[in-house]
Amino acid sequence: MNTANLHERGFSKFVLLSDQDGNLILSTNPSAEFHEEIVRGESRKSDKLLRCLGGGRLEISDDEIYTYGYSVDFGKPPADLIEQILTENANGKTVRVEIGKGY
């Protein structure tokens, strides 16, 4: 089961995590300065071992979810997985994925 923990609007860093059962979690935190903060927060909430598959930046507007950039510490997440999870959770918004661009 794939999960997206998205904020309402605005800019945020995000990470893509995988648990020991292969479930994917895309998590954002608008107040995080570093991607590691998001990983630690999700790890505290989970009773499963989590592995970070990469991170980037995410902007949510009224009609679009836009992801770009990458995490210096964790690298680029697989763009196809990001697009899949966001599309499943976009609530009618357009999804645009440009991982690695615009850092």
Protein backbone atom coordinates (compact mmCIF):
# COMPACT_ATOMS: atom_id res chain seq x y z
CA MET A 1 0.00 0.00 0.00
CA ASN A 2 1.38 3.40 -0.98
CA THR A 3 0.80 6.44 1.22
CA ALA A 4 1.33 10.17 0.70
CA ASN A 5 1.51 12.48 3.70
CA LEU A 6 1.06 15.82 1.94
CA HIS A 7 0.65 19.32 3.31
CA GLU A 8 -2.19 21.54 2.09
CA ARG A 9 -0.39 24.21 0.02
CA GLY A 10 3.00 25.77 -0.49
CA PHE A 11 6.60 24.59 -0.55
CA SER A 12 8.11 21.63 1.27
CA LYS A 13 10.91 19.11 1.16
CA PHE A 14 9.83 15.49 0.73
CA VAL A 15 11.27 12.00 1.05
CA LEU A 16 10.24 8.67 -0.41
CA LEU A 17 10.47 5.82 2.10
CA SER A 18 10.04 2.08 1.79
CA ASP A 19 9.14 -0.14 4.74
CA GLN A 20 10.22 -3.74 5.27
CA ASP A 21 7.01 -4.98 3.62
CA GLY A 22 7.65 -2.98 0.43
CA ASN A 23 5.04 -0.29 1.13
CA LEU A 24 5.99 3.20 -0.06
CA ILE A 25 5.50 6.40 1.92
CA LEU A 26 5.92 9.86 0.41
CA SER A 27 6.16 12.33 3.25
CA THR A 28 6.49 16.13 3.35
CA ASN A 29 7.30 18.58 6.11
CA PRO A 30 7.05 22.32 5.34
CA SER A 31 9.12 23.23 8.42
CA ALA A 32 11.98 20.76 7.77
CA GLU A 33 15.30 22.34 6.93
CA PHE A 34 16.84 18.98 6.00
CA HIS A 35 15.40 15.80 4.46
CA GLU A 36 16.82 13.85 7.43
CA GLU A 37 14.28 15.57 9.71
CA ILE A 38 11.43 14.07 7.70
CA VAL A 39 13.03 10.62 7.77
CA ARG A 40 13.49 10.80 11.57
CA GLY A 41 9.89 11.97 12.05
CA GLU A 42 8.46 9.13 9.99
CA SER A 43 10.76 6.59 11.69
CA ARG A 44 9.47 7.67 15.11
CA LYS A 45 5.86 7.14 13.98
CA SER A 46 6.47 3.72 12.41
CA ASP A 47 6.91 0.36 14.07
CA LYS A 48 8.67 -0.88 10.91
CA LEU A 49 12.18 -0.37 9.62
CA LEU A 50 12.17 2.39 6.97
CA ARG A 51 14.65 2.97 4.15
CA CYS A 52 14.91 6.30 2.35
CA LEU A 53 14.85 6.00 -1.46
CA GLY A 54 15.57 9.69 -2.06
CA GLY A 55 14.06 13.11 -1.68
CA GLY A 56 13.42 16.43 -3.31
CA ARG A 57 11.24 19.50 -3.16
CA LEU A 58 7.52 19.75 -3.63
CA GLU A 59 5.14 22.65 -4.26
CA ILE A 60 1.38 22.36 -3.96
CA SER A 61 -0.96 24.95 -5.46
CA ASP A 62 -4.72 24.93 -5.95
CA ASP A 63 -4.43 22.97 -9.20
CA GLU A 64 -0.97 21.35 -9.28
CA ILE A 65 1.55 19.27 -7.36
CA TYR A 66 5.07 19.93 -8.65
CA THR A 67 8.16 17.98 -7.57
CA TYR A 68 11.73 18.83 -8.47
CA GLY A 69 15.30 18.79 -7.20
CA TYR A 70 16.89 16.08 -5.09
CA SER A 71 18.22 15.39 -1.62
CA VAL A 72 21.94 15.97 -1.13
CA ASP A 73 22.00 13.28 1.58
CA PHE A 74 19.64 10.70 0.06
CA GLY A 75 19.83 11.37 -3.69
CA LYS A 76 17.12 11.34 -6.33
CA PRO A 77 14.05 9.20 -5.74
CA PRO A 78 12.66 7.12 -8.63
CA ALA A 79 10.56 9.60 -10.63
CA ASP A 80 8.11 6.93 -11.77
CA LEU A 81 7.27 6.00 -8.18
CA ILE A 82 6.88 9.65 -7.18
CA GLU A 83 4.50 10.23 -10.09
CA GLN A 84 2.50 7.11 -9.27
CA ILE A 85 2.05 7.94 -5.57
CA LEU A 86 1.24 11.59 -6.18
CA THR A 87 -1.25 10.77 -8.95
CA GLU A 88 -3.01 8.35 -6.59
CA ASN A 89 -3.26 11.10 -3.95
CA ALA A 90 -3.62 14.28 -6.06
CA ASN A 91 -7.37 14.81 -5.53
CA GLY A 92 -7.81 16.06 -9.09
CA LYS A 93 -4.67 18.20 -9.20
CA THR A 94 -2.20 17.97 -12.07
CA VAL A 95 1.05 16.20 -11.13
CA ARG A 96 4.34 17.40 -12.63
CA VAL A 97 7.54 15.51 -11.77
CA GLU A 98 10.97 16.94 -12.65
CA ILE A 99 13.26 15.10 -10.25
CA GLY A 100 16.83 16.39 -10.42
CA LYS A 101 15.94 19.73 -12.02
CA GLY A 102 15.91 23.15 -10.42
CA TYR A 103 17.85 22.49 -7.28
